[in-house]
Amino acid sequence: MIIETLKTFGENIGFADVDPRTIVARLIKVAMGFMGIVMVLMIISGGTLMMISGGDVEKVKRAKKTIINAVIGLIIMLSAYGIVTFVINIFDDKTIKKII
């Protein structure tokens, strides 16, 4: 009963016969895309704040901090993507067949 319900649910959302690793990879790509958009918006926000600061030292410091934090976040995000891609490639079907 539960398995049939899950299969029906999977068919409705388009994941009926898809490997779980593929689903995880797709979800990670969507999350990375969303986080990339957030990082770009943070950089634009910091740049805009710097342009409209009018020479105020505190606003310039806050803008620089925003831009630096966005770049650090982008580096962390790209590193995480690389690690996840590496791990997913390790669990490829060919690798699993070699191990077994």
PDB file of N, CA and C in Angstrom:
ATOM      1  N   MET A   1       0.825  -1.191   0.000  1.00  0.00           N
ATOM      2  CA  MET A   1       0.000   0.000   0.000  1.00  0.00           C
ATOM      3  C   MET A   1       0.875   1.264   0.000  1.00  0.00           C
ATOM      4  N   ILE A   2       1.832   1.314   0.923  1.00  0.00           N
ATOM      5  CA  ILE A   2       2.688   2.497   1.032  1.00  0.00           C
ATOM      6  C   ILE A   2       3.587   2.618  -0.195  1.00  0.00           C
ATOM      7  N   ILE A   3       4.117   1.489  -0.656  1.00  0.00           N
ATOM      8  CA  ILE A   3       5.009   1.515  -1.817  1.00  0.00           C
ATOM      9  C   ILE A   3       4.253   1.966  -3.062  1.00  0.00           C
ATOM     10  N   GLU A   4       3.020   1.501  -3.199  1.00  0.00           N
ATOM     11  CA  GLU A   4       2.206   1.922  -4.347  1.00  0.00           C
ATOM     12  C   GLU A   4       1.923   3.418  -4.284  1.00  0.00           C
ATOM     13  N   THR A   5       1.637   3.914  -3.092  1.00  0.00           N
ATOM     14  CA  THR A   5       1.377   5.346  -2.925  1.00  0.00           C
ATOM     15  C   THR A   5       2.619   6.159  -3.263  1.00  0.00           C
ATOM     16  N   LEU A   6       3.784   5.706  -2.802  1.00  0.00           N
ATOM     17  CA  LEU A   6       5.028   6.406  -3.102  1.00  0.00           C
ATOM     18  C   LEU A   6       5.344   6.364  -4.592  1.00  0.00           C
ATOM     19  N   LYS A   7       5.058   5.224  -5.228  1.00  0.00           N
ATOM     20  CA  LYS A   7       5.304   5.121  -6.665  1.00  0.00           C
ATOM     21  C   LYS A   7       4.392   6.074  -7.434  1.00  0.00           C
ATOM     22  N   THR A   8       3.113   6.161  -7.021  1.00  0.00           N
ATOM     23  CA  THR A   8       2.180   7.091  -7.656  1.00  0.00           C
ATOM     24  C   THR A   8       2.643   8.526  -7.457  1.00  0.00           C
ATOM     25  N   PHE A   9       3.102   8.831  -6.238  1.00  0.00           N
ATOM     26  CA  PHE A   9       3.612  10.164  -5.957  1.00  0.00           C
ATOM     27  C   PHE A   9       4.828  10.466  -6.824  1.00  0.00           C
ATOM     28  N   GLY A  10       5.722   9.488  -6.959  1.00  0.00           N
ATOM     29  CA  GLY A  10       6.911   9.656  -7.795  1.00  0.00           C
ATOM     30  C   GLY A  10       6.562   9.880  -9.247  1.00  0.00           C
ATOM     31  N   GLU A  11       5.566   9.175  -9.735  1.00  0.00           N
ATOM     32  CA  GLU A  11       5.139   9.367 -11.121  1.00  0.00           C
ATOM     33  C   GLU A  11       4.560  10.761 -11.327  1.00  0.00           C
ATOM     34  N   ASN A  12       3.833  11.266 -10.332  1.00  0.00           N
ATOM     35  CA  ASN A  12       3.220  12.593 -10.450  1.00  0.00           C
ATOM     36  C   ASN A  12       4.245  13.712 -10.458  1.00  0.00           C
ATOM     37  N   ILE A  13       5.343  13.546  -9.727  1.00  0.00           N
ATOM     38  CA  ILE A  13       6.353  14.608  -9.695  1.00  0.00           C
ATOM     39  C   ILE A  13       7.477  14.370 -10.693  1.00  0.00           C
ATOM     40  N   GLY A  14       7.424  13.266 -11.431  1.00  0.00           N
ATOM     41  CA  GLY A  14       8.403  13.015 -12.488  1.00  0.00           C
ATOM     42  C   GLY A  14       9.632  12.250 -12.051  1.00  0.00           C
ATOM     43  N   PHE A  15       9.600  11.605 -10.890  1.00  0.00           N
ATOM     44  CA  PHE A  15      10.745  10.849 -10.390  1.00  0.00           C
ATOM     45  C   PHE A  15      10.424   9.363 -10.245  1.00  0.00           C
ATOM     46  N   ALA A  16       9.603   8.819 -11.102  1.00  0.00           N
ATOM     47  CA  ALA A  16       9.152   7.440 -10.931  1.00  0.00           C
ATOM     48  C   ALA A  16      10.298   6.434 -11.024  1.00  0.00           C
ATOM     49  N   ASP A  17      11.014   6.425 -12.106  1.00  0.00           N
ATOM     50  CA  ASP A  17      12.067   5.427 -12.310  1.00  0.00           C
ATOM     51  C   ASP A  17      13.449   6.057 -12.336  1.00  0.00           C
ATOM     52  N   VAL A  18      13.648   7.073 -11.516  1.00  0.00           N
ATOM     53  CA  VAL A  18      14.922   7.779 -11.502  1.00  0.00           C
ATOM     54  C   VAL A  18      15.745   7.291 -10.312  1.00  0.00           C
ATOM     55  N   ASP A  19      17.026   7.114 -10.556  1.00  0.00           N
ATOM     56  CA  ASP A  19      17.950   6.687  -9.521  1.00  0.00           C
ATOM     57  C   ASP A  19      18.007   7.733  -8.405  1.00  0.00           C
ATOM     58  N   PRO A  20      18.035   7.318  -7.141  1.00  0.00           N
ATOM     59  CA  PRO A  20      18.093   8.285  -6.032  1.00  0.00           C
ATOM     60  C   PRO A  20      19.293   9.225  -6.105  1.00  0.00           C
ATOM     61  N   ARG A  21      20.415   8.738  -6.643  1.00  0.00           N
ATOM     62  CA  ARG A  21      21.588   9.612  -6.787  1.00  0.00           C
ATOM     63  C   ARG A  21      21.308  10.739  -7.758  1.00  0.00           C
ATOM     64  N   THR A  22      20.526  10.447  -8.790  1.00  0.00           N
ATOM     65  CA  THR A  22      20.158  11.477  -9.760  1.00  0.00           C
ATOM     66  C   THR A  22      19.261  12.518  -9.114  1.00  0.00           C
ATOM     67  N   ILE A  23      18.339  12.070  -8.277  1.00  0.00           N
ATOM     68  CA  ILE A  23      17.445  12.997  -7.582  1.00  0.00           C
ATOM     69  C   ILE A  23      18.256  13.916  -6.678  1.00  0.00           C
ATOM     70  N   VAL A  24      19.192  13.336  -5.930  1.00  0.00           N
ATOM     71  CA  VAL A  24      20.033  14.145  -5.037  1.00  0.00           C
ATOM     72  C   VAL A  24      20.853  15.139  -5.846  1.00  0.00           C
ATOM     73  N   ALA A  25      21.411  14.697  -6.959  1.00  0.00           N
ATOM     74  CA  ALA A  25      22.215  15.590  -7.798  1.00  0.00           C
ATOM     75  C   ALA A  25      21.363  16.738  -8.332  1.00  0.00           C
ATOM     76  N   ARG A  26      20.141  16.449  -8.749  1.00  0.00           N
ATOM     77  CA  ARG A  26      19.257  17.510  -9.242  1.00  0.00           C
ATOM     78  C   ARG A  26      18.902  18.502  -8.139  1.00  0.00           C
ATOM     79  N   LEU A  27      18.614  17.998  -6.943  1.00  0.00           N
ATOM     80  CA  LEU A  27      18.290  18.890  -5.830  1.00  0.00           C
ATOM     81  C   LEU A  27      19.483  19.770  -5.456  1.00  0.00           C
ATOM     82  N   ILE A  28      20.671  19.200  -5.497  1.00  0.00           N
ATOM     83  CA  ILE A  28      21.873  19.976  -5.185  1.00  0.00           C
ATOM     84  C   ILE A  28      22.082  21.065  -6.235  1.00  0.00           C
ATOM     85  N   LYS A  29      21.861  20.741  -7.509  1.00  0.00           N
ATOM     86  CA  LYS A  29      22.024  21.747  -8.559  1.00  0.00           C
ATOM     87  C   LYS A  29      21.026  22.890  -8.397  1.00  0.00           C
ATOM     88  N   VAL A  30      19.793  22.558  -8.011  1.00  0.00           N
ATOM     89  CA  VAL A  30      18.796  23.604  -7.787  1.00  0.00           C
ATOM     90  C   VAL A  30      19.209  24.484  -6.612  1.00  0.00           C
ATOM     91  N   ALA A  31      19.670  23.855  -5.529  1.00  0.00           N
ATOM     92  CA  ALA A  31      20.103  24.621  -4.355  1.00  0.00           C
ATOM     93  C   ALA A  31      21.300  25.501  -4.688  1.00  0.00           C
ATOM     94  N   MET A  32      22.248  24.971  -5.465  1.00  0.00           N
ATOM     95  CA  MET A  32      23.415  25.763  -5.851  1.00  0.00           C
ATOM     96  C   MET A  32      23.011  26.946  -6.730  1.00  0.00           C
ATOM     97  N   GLY A  33      22.068  26.726  -7.621  1.00  0.00           N
ATOM     98  CA  GLY A  33      21.586  27.826  -8.457  1.00  0.00           C
ATOM     99  C   GLY A  33      20.945  28.922  -7.619  1.00  0.00           C
ATOM    100  N   PHE A  34      20.139  28.522  -6.645  1.00  0.00           N
ATOM    101  CA  PHE A  34      19.505  29.495  -5.759  1.00  0.00           C
ATOM    102  C   PHE A  34      20.551  30.254  -4.954  1.00  0.00           C
ATOM    103  N   MET A  35      21.528  29.539  -4.424  1.00  0.00           N
ATOM    104  CA  MET A  35      22.565  30.206  -3.632  1.00  0.00           C
ATOM    105  C   MET A  35      23.423  31.125  -4.494  1.00  0.00           C
ATOM    106  N   GLY A  36      23.649  30.751  -5.748  1.00  0.00           N
ATOM    107  CA  GLY A  36      24.388  31.624  -6.659  1.00  0.00           C
ATOM    108  C   GLY A  36      23.653  32.928  -6.897  1.00  0.00           C
ATOM    109  N   ILE A  37      22.335  32.845  -7.051  1.00  0.00           N
ATOM    110  CA  ILE A  37      21.530  34.061  -7.224  1.00  0.00           C
ATOM    111  C   ILE A  37      21.626  34.935  -5.983  1.00  0.00           C
ATOM    112  N   VAL A  38      21.572  34.318  -4.805  1.00  0.00           N
ATOM    113  CA  VAL A  38      21.679  35.081  -3.555  1.00  0.00           C
ATOM    114  C   VAL A  38      23.042  35.769  -3.466  1.00  0.00           C
ATOM    115  N   MET A  39      24.101  35.078  -3.861  1.00  0.00           N
ATOM    116  CA  MET A  39      25.443  35.674  -3.812  1.00  0.00           C
ATOM    117  C   MET A  39      25.556  36.867  -4.765  1.00  0.00           C
ATOM    118  N   VAL A  40      25.020  36.744  -5.956  1.00  0.00           N
ATOM    119  CA  VAL A  40      25.054  37.855  -6.909  1.00  0.00           C
ATOM    120  C   VAL A  40      24.272  39.045  -6.351  1.00  0.00           C
ATOM    121  N   LEU A  41      23.125  38.779  -5.747  1.00  0.00           N
ATOM    122  CA  LEU A  41      22.338  39.870  -5.163  1.00  0.00           C
ATOM    123  C   LEU A  41      23.084  40.540  -4.003  1.00  0.00           C
ATOM    124  N   MET A  42      23.818  39.750  -3.223  1.00  0.00           N
ATOM    125  CA  MET A  42      24.603  40.339  -2.128  1.00  0.00           C
ATOM    126  C   MET A  42      25.716  41.226  -2.670  1.00  0.00           C
ATOM    127  N   ILE A  43      26.377  40.794  -3.734  1.00  0.00           N
ATOM    128  CA  ILE A  43      27.445  41.604  -4.321  1.00  0.00           C
ATOM    129  C   ILE A  43      26.870  42.888  -4.904  1.00  0.00           C
ATOM    130  N   ILE A  44      25.733  42.791  -5.583  1.00  0.00           N
ATOM    131  CA  ILE A  44      25.080  43.994  -6.125  1.00  0.00           C
ATOM    132  C   ILE A  44      24.657  44.920  -4.999  1.00  0.00           C
ATOM    133  N   SER A  45      24.130  44.344  -3.925  1.00  0.00           N
ATOM    134  CA  SER A  45      23.713  45.160  -2.769  1.00  0.00           C
ATOM    135  C   SER A  45      24.903  45.892  -2.159  1.00  0.00           C
ATOM    136  N   GLY A  46      26.031  45.191  -1.982  1.00  0.00           N
ATOM    137  CA  GLY A  46      27.226  45.822  -1.428  1.00  0.00           C
ATOM    138  C   GLY A  46      27.760  46.917  -2.342  1.00  0.00           C
ATOM    139  N   GLY A  47      27.747  46.661  -3.649  1.00  0.00           N
ATOM    140  CA  GLY A  47      28.208  47.680  -4.597  1.00  0.00           C
ATOM    141  C   GLY A  47      27.307  48.900  -4.603  1.00  0.00           C
ATOM    142  N   THR A  48      26.012  48.666  -4.541  1.00  0.00           N
ATOM    143  CA  THR A  48      25.069  49.785  -4.502  1.00  0.00           C
ATOM    144  C   THR A  48      25.243  50.596  -3.227  1.00  0.00           C
ATOM    145  N   LEU A  49      25.406  49.912  -2.109  1.00  0.00           N
ATOM    146  CA  LEU A  49      25.621  50.605  -0.837  1.00  0.00           C
ATOM    147  C   LEU A  49      26.900  51.424  -0.877  1.00  0.00           C
ATOM    148  N   MET A  50      27.936  50.897  -1.524  1.00  0.00           N
ATOM    149  CA  MET A  50      29.194  51.634  -1.628  1.00  0.00           C
ATOM    150  C   MET A  50      29.021  52.888  -2.496  1.00  0.00           C
ATOM    151  N   MET A  51      28.253  52.745  -3.580  1.00  0.00           N
ATOM    152  CA  MET A  51      28.065  53.896  -4.474  1.00  0.00           C
ATOM    153  C   MET A  51      27.240  55.003  -3.828  1.00  0.00           C
ATOM    154  N   ILE A  52      26.275  54.631  -3.010  1.00  0.00           N
ATOM    155  CA  ILE A  52      25.404  55.669  -2.414  1.00  0.00           C
ATOM    156  C   ILE A  52      25.853  56.068  -1.017  1.00  0.00           C
ATOM    157  N   SER A  53      27.047  55.621  -0.608  1.00  0.00           N
ATOM    158  CA  SER A  53      27.519  55.933   0.742  1.00  0.00           C
ATOM    159  C   SER A  53      27.824  57.414   0.926  1.00  0.00           C
ATOM    160  N   GLY A  54      28.154  58.100  -0.133  1.00  0.00           N
ATOM    161  CA  GLY A  54      28.431  59.533  -0.037  1.00  0.00           C
ATOM    162  C   GLY A  54      29.687  59.836   0.763  1.00  0.00           C
ATOM    163  N   GLY A  55      30.616  58.890   0.811  1.00  0.00           N
ATOM    164  CA  GLY A  55      31.861  59.132   1.528  1.00  0.00           C
ATOM    165  C   GLY A  55      31.797  58.792   3.002  1.00  0.00           C
ATOM    166  N   ASP A  56      30.653  58.326   3.479  1.00  0.00           N
ATOM    167  CA  ASP A  56      30.524  57.944   4.884  1.00  0.00           C
ATOM    168  C   ASP A  56      31.345  56.681   5.132  1.00  0.00           C
ATOM    169  N   VAL A  57      32.307  56.786   6.048  1.00  0.00           N
ATOM    170  CA  VAL A  57      33.262  55.707   6.289  1.00  0.00           C
ATOM    171  C   VAL A  57      32.558  54.443   6.784  1.00  0.00           C
ATOM    172  N   GLU A  58      31.566  54.575   7.630  1.00  0.00           N
ATOM    173  CA  GLU A  58      30.861  53.409   8.171  1.00  0.00           C
ATOM    174  C   GLU A  58      30.091  52.663   7.088  1.00  0.00           C
ATOM    175  N   LYS A  59      29.459  53.395   6.195  1.00  0.00           N
ATOM    176  CA  LYS A  59      28.713  52.755   5.109  1.00  0.00           C
ATOM    177  C   LYS A  59      29.649  52.052   4.139  1.00  0.00           C
ATOM    178  N   VAL A  60      30.813  52.650   3.886  1.00  0.00           N
ATOM    179  CA  VAL A  60      31.794  52.025   3.004  1.00  0.00           C
ATOM    180  C   VAL A  60      32.318  50.740   3.633  1.00  0.00           C
ATOM    181  N   LYS A  61      32.599  50.761   4.947  1.00  0.00           N
ATOM    182  CA  LYS A  61      33.064  49.555   5.641  1.00  0.00           C
ATOM    183  C   LYS A  61      32.007  48.453   5.576  1.00  0.00           C
ATOM    184  N   ARG A  62      30.743  48.842   5.784  1.00  0.00           N
ATOM    185  CA  ARG A  62      29.668  47.856   5.728  1.00  0.00           C
ATOM    186  C   ARG A  62      29.525  47.280   4.317  1.00  0.00           C
ATOM    187  N   ALA A  63      29.684  48.119   3.302  1.00  0.00           N
ATOM    188  CA  ALA A  63      29.593  47.651   1.914  1.00  0.00           C
ATOM    189  C   ALA A  63      30.737  46.694   1.592  1.00  0.00           C
ATOM    190  N   LYS A  64      31.957  47.051   2.017  1.00  0.00           N
ATOM    191  CA  LYS A  64      33.103  46.161   1.780  1.00  0.00           C
ATOM    192  C   LYS A  64      32.912  44.829   2.490  1.00  0.00           C
ATOM    193  N   LYS A  65      32.392  44.876   3.710  1.00  0.00           N
ATOM    194  CA  LYS A  65      32.157  43.650   4.466  1.00  0.00           C
ATOM    195  C   LYS A  65      31.123  42.773   3.758  1.00  0.00           C
ATOM    196  N   THR A  66      30.081  43.385   3.212  1.00  0.00           N
ATOM    197  CA  THR A  66      29.060  42.632   2.482  1.00  0.00           C
ATOM    198  C   THR A  66      29.656  41.960   1.257  1.00  0.00           C
ATOM    199  N   ILE A  67      30.460  42.696   0.505  1.00  0.00           N
ATOM    200  CA  ILE A  67      31.066  42.132  -0.709  1.00  0.00           C
ATOM    201  C   ILE A  67      32.040  41.016  -0.363  1.00  0.00           C
ATOM    202  N   ILE A  68      32.865  41.218   0.651  1.00  0.00           N
ATOM    203  CA  ILE A  68      33.828  40.200   1.059  1.00  0.00           C
ATOM    204  C   ILE A  68      33.110  38.944   1.541  1.00  0.00           C
ATOM    205  N   ASN A  69      32.048  39.119   2.337  1.00  0.00           N
ATOM    206  CA  ASN A  69      31.296  37.959   2.809  1.00  0.00           C
ATOM    207  C   ASN A  69      30.630  37.212   1.653  1.00  0.00           C
ATOM    208  N   ALA A  70      30.152  37.937   0.657  1.00  0.00           N
ATOM    209  CA  ALA A  70      29.537  37.297  -0.506  1.00  0.00           C
ATOM    210  C   ALA A  70      30.571  36.493  -1.295  1.00  0.00           C
ATOM    211  N   VAL A  71      31.761  37.040  -1.448  1.00  0.00           N
ATOM    212  CA  VAL A  71      32.813  36.324  -2.179  1.00  0.00           C
ATOM    213  C   VAL A  71      33.262  35.086  -1.402  1.00  0.00           C
ATOM    214  N   ILE A  72      33.403  35.213  -0.091  1.00  0.00           N
ATOM    215  CA  ILE A  72      33.758  34.056   0.737  1.00  0.00           C
ATOM    216  C   ILE A  72      32.664  32.984   0.640  1.00  0.00           C
ATOM    217  N   GLY A  73      31.414  33.399   0.695  1.00  0.00           N
ATOM    218  CA  GLY A  73      30.307  32.453   0.545  1.00  0.00           C
ATOM    219  C   GLY A  73      30.324  31.765  -0.805  1.00  0.00           C
ATOM    220  N   LEU A  74      30.661  32.515  -1.845  1.00  0.00           N
ATOM    221  CA  LEU A  74      30.743  31.939  -3.188  1.00  0.00           C
ATOM    222  C   LEU A  74      31.858  30.906  -3.269  1.00  0.00           C
ATOM    223  N   ILE A  75      32.993  31.196  -2.651  1.00  0.00           N
ATOM    224  CA  ILE A  75      34.108  30.241  -2.631  1.00  0.00           C
ATOM    225  C   ILE A  75      33.704  28.975  -1.882  1.00  0.00           C
ATOM    226  N   ILE A  76      33.042  29.133  -0.741  1.00  0.00           N
ATOM    227  CA  ILE A  76      32.587  27.972   0.031  1.00  0.00           C
ATOM    228  C   ILE A  76      31.581  27.156  -0.779  1.00  0.00           C
ATOM    229  N   MET A  77      30.673  27.852  -1.464  1.00  0.00           N
ATOM    230  CA  MET A  77      29.657  27.174  -2.256  1.00  0.00           C
ATOM    231  C   MET A  77      30.291  26.369  -3.387  1.00  0.00           C
ATOM    232  N   LEU A  78      31.245  26.950  -4.088  1.00  0.00           N
ATOM    233  CA  LEU A  78      31.905  26.242  -5.183  1.00  0.00           C
ATOM    234  C   LEU A  78      32.728  25.058  -4.667  1.00  0.00           C
ATOM    235  N   SER A  79      33.346  25.229  -3.503  1.00  0.00           N
ATOM    236  CA  SER A  79      34.092  24.118  -2.907  1.00  0.00           C
ATOM    237  C   SER A  79      33.146  22.979  -2.531  1.00  0.00           C
ATOM    238  N   ALA A  80      32.014  23.322  -1.948  1.00  0.00           N
ATOM    239  CA  ALA A  80      31.027  22.301  -1.584  1.00  0.00           C
ATOM    240  C   ALA A  80      30.512  21.584  -2.821  1.00  0.00           C
ATOM    241  N   TYR A  81      30.296  22.325  -3.893  1.00  0.00           N
ATOM    242  CA  TYR A  81      29.831  21.708  -5.134  1.00  0.00           C
ATOM    243  C   TYR A  81      30.871  20.724  -5.673  1.00  0.00           C
ATOM    244  N   GLY A  82      32.134  21.109  -5.604  1.00  0.00           N
ATOM    245  CA  GLY A  82      33.192  20.223  -6.052  1.00  0.00           C
ATOM    246  C   GLY A  82      33.274  18.957  -5.226  1.00  0.00           C
ATOM    247  N   ILE A  83      33.149  19.086  -3.918  1.00  0.00           N
ATOM    248  CA  ILE A  83      33.198  17.926  -3.033  1.00  0.00           C
ATOM    249  C   ILE A  83      32.016  17.003  -3.300  1.00  0.00           C
ATOM    250  N   VAL A  84      30.823  17.575  -3.421  1.00  0.00           N
ATOM    251  CA  VAL A  84      29.632  16.763  -3.663  1.00  0.00           C
ATOM    252  C   VAL A  84      29.721  16.063  -5.016  1.00  0.00           C
ATOM    253  N   THR A  85      30.188  16.751  -6.028  1.00  0.00           N
ATOM    254  CA  THR A  85      30.347  16.133  -7.344  1.00  0.00           C
ATOM    255  C   THR A  85      31.345  14.982  -7.282  1.00  0.00           C
ATOM    256  N   PHE A  86      32.425  15.177  -6.559  1.00  0.00           N
ATOM    257  CA  PHE A  86      33.422  14.119  -6.389  1.00  0.00           C
ATOM    258  C   PHE A  86      32.815  12.900  -5.702  1.00  0.00           C
ATOM    259  N   VAL A  87      32.069  13.125  -4.632  1.00  0.00           N
ATOM    260  CA  VAL A  87      31.469  12.016  -3.887  1.00  0.00           C
ATOM    261  C   VAL A  87      30.427  11.296  -4.734  1.00  0.00           C
ATOM    262  N   ILE A  88      29.612  12.034  -5.476  1.00  0.00           N
ATOM    263  CA  ILE A  88      28.606  11.401  -6.333  1.00  0.00           C
ATOM    264  C   ILE A  88      29.283  10.575  -7.416  1.00  0.00           C
ATOM    265  N   ASN A  89      30.382  11.068  -7.962  1.00  0.00           N
ATOM    266  CA  ASN A  89      31.110  10.305  -8.985  1.00  0.00           C
ATOM    267  C   ASN A  89      31.750   9.045  -8.412  1.00  0.00           C
ATOM    268  N   ILE A  90      32.109   9.071  -7.147  1.00  0.00           N
ATOM    269  CA  ILE A  90      32.664   7.872  -6.507  1.00  0.00           C
ATOM    270  C   ILE A  90      31.618   6.762  -6.487  1.00  0.00           C
ATOM    271  N   PHE A  91      30.364   7.141  -6.236  1.00  0.00           N
ATOM    272  CA  PHE A  91      29.300   6.152  -6.137  1.00  0.00           C
ATOM    273  C   PHE A  91      28.623   5.894  -7.475  1.00  0.00           C
ATOM    274  N   ASP A  92      29.354   6.055  -8.544  1.00  0.00           N
ATOM    275  CA  ASP A  92      28.856   5.746  -9.876  1.00  0.00           C
ATOM    276  C   ASP A  92      28.674   4.231  -9.998  1.00  0.00           C
ATOM    277  N   ASP A  93      27.801   3.808 -10.886  1.00  0.00           N
ATOM    278  CA  ASP A  93      27.526   2.380 -11.062  1.00  0.00           C
ATOM    279  C   ASP A  93      28.785   1.588 -11.377  1.00  0.00           C
ATOM    280  N   LYS A  94      29.653   2.112 -12.228  1.00  0.00           N
ATOM    281  CA  LYS A  94      30.874   1.402 -12.607  1.00  0.00           C
ATOM    282  C   LYS A  94      31.783   1.200 -11.398  1.00  0.00           C
ATOM    283  N   THR A  95      31.879   2.224 -10.557  1.00  0.00           N
ATOM    284  CA  THR A  95      32.722   2.121  -9.366  1.00  0.00           C
ATOM    285  C   THR A  95      32.154   1.100  -8.400  1.00  0.00           C
ATOM    286  N   ILE A  96      30.846   1.111  -8.235  1.00  0.00           N
ATOM    287  CA  ILE A  96      30.221   0.161  -7.312  1.00  0.00           C
ATOM    288  C   ILE A  96      30.417  -1.258  -7.821  1.00  0.00           C
ATOM    289  N   LYS A  97      30.297  -1.471  -9.124  1.00  0.00           N
ATOM    290  CA  LYS A  97      30.493  -2.817  -9.675  1.00  0.00           C
ATOM    291  C   LYS A  97      31.935  -3.282  -9.483  1.00  0.00           C
ATOM    292  N   LYS A  98      32.897  -2.348  -9.549  1.00  0.00           N
ATOM    293  CA  LYS A  98      34.290  -2.726  -9.324  1.00  0.00           C
ATOM    294  C   LYS A  98      34.523  -3.126  -7.870  1.00  0.00           C
ATOM    295  N   ILE A  99      33.862  -2.419  -6.958  1.00  0.00           N
ATOM    296  CA  ILE A  99      34.026  -2.712  -5.535  1.00  0.00           C
ATOM    297  C   ILE A  99      33.410  -4.063  -5.197  1.00  0.00           C
ATOM    298  N   ILE A 100      32.249  -4.340  -5.770  1.00  0.00           N
ATOM    299  CA  ILE A 100      31.551  -5.600  -5.483  1.00  0.00           C
ATOM    300  C   ILE A 100      32.209  -6.675  -6.286  1.00  0.00           C
TER     301      ILE A 100
END
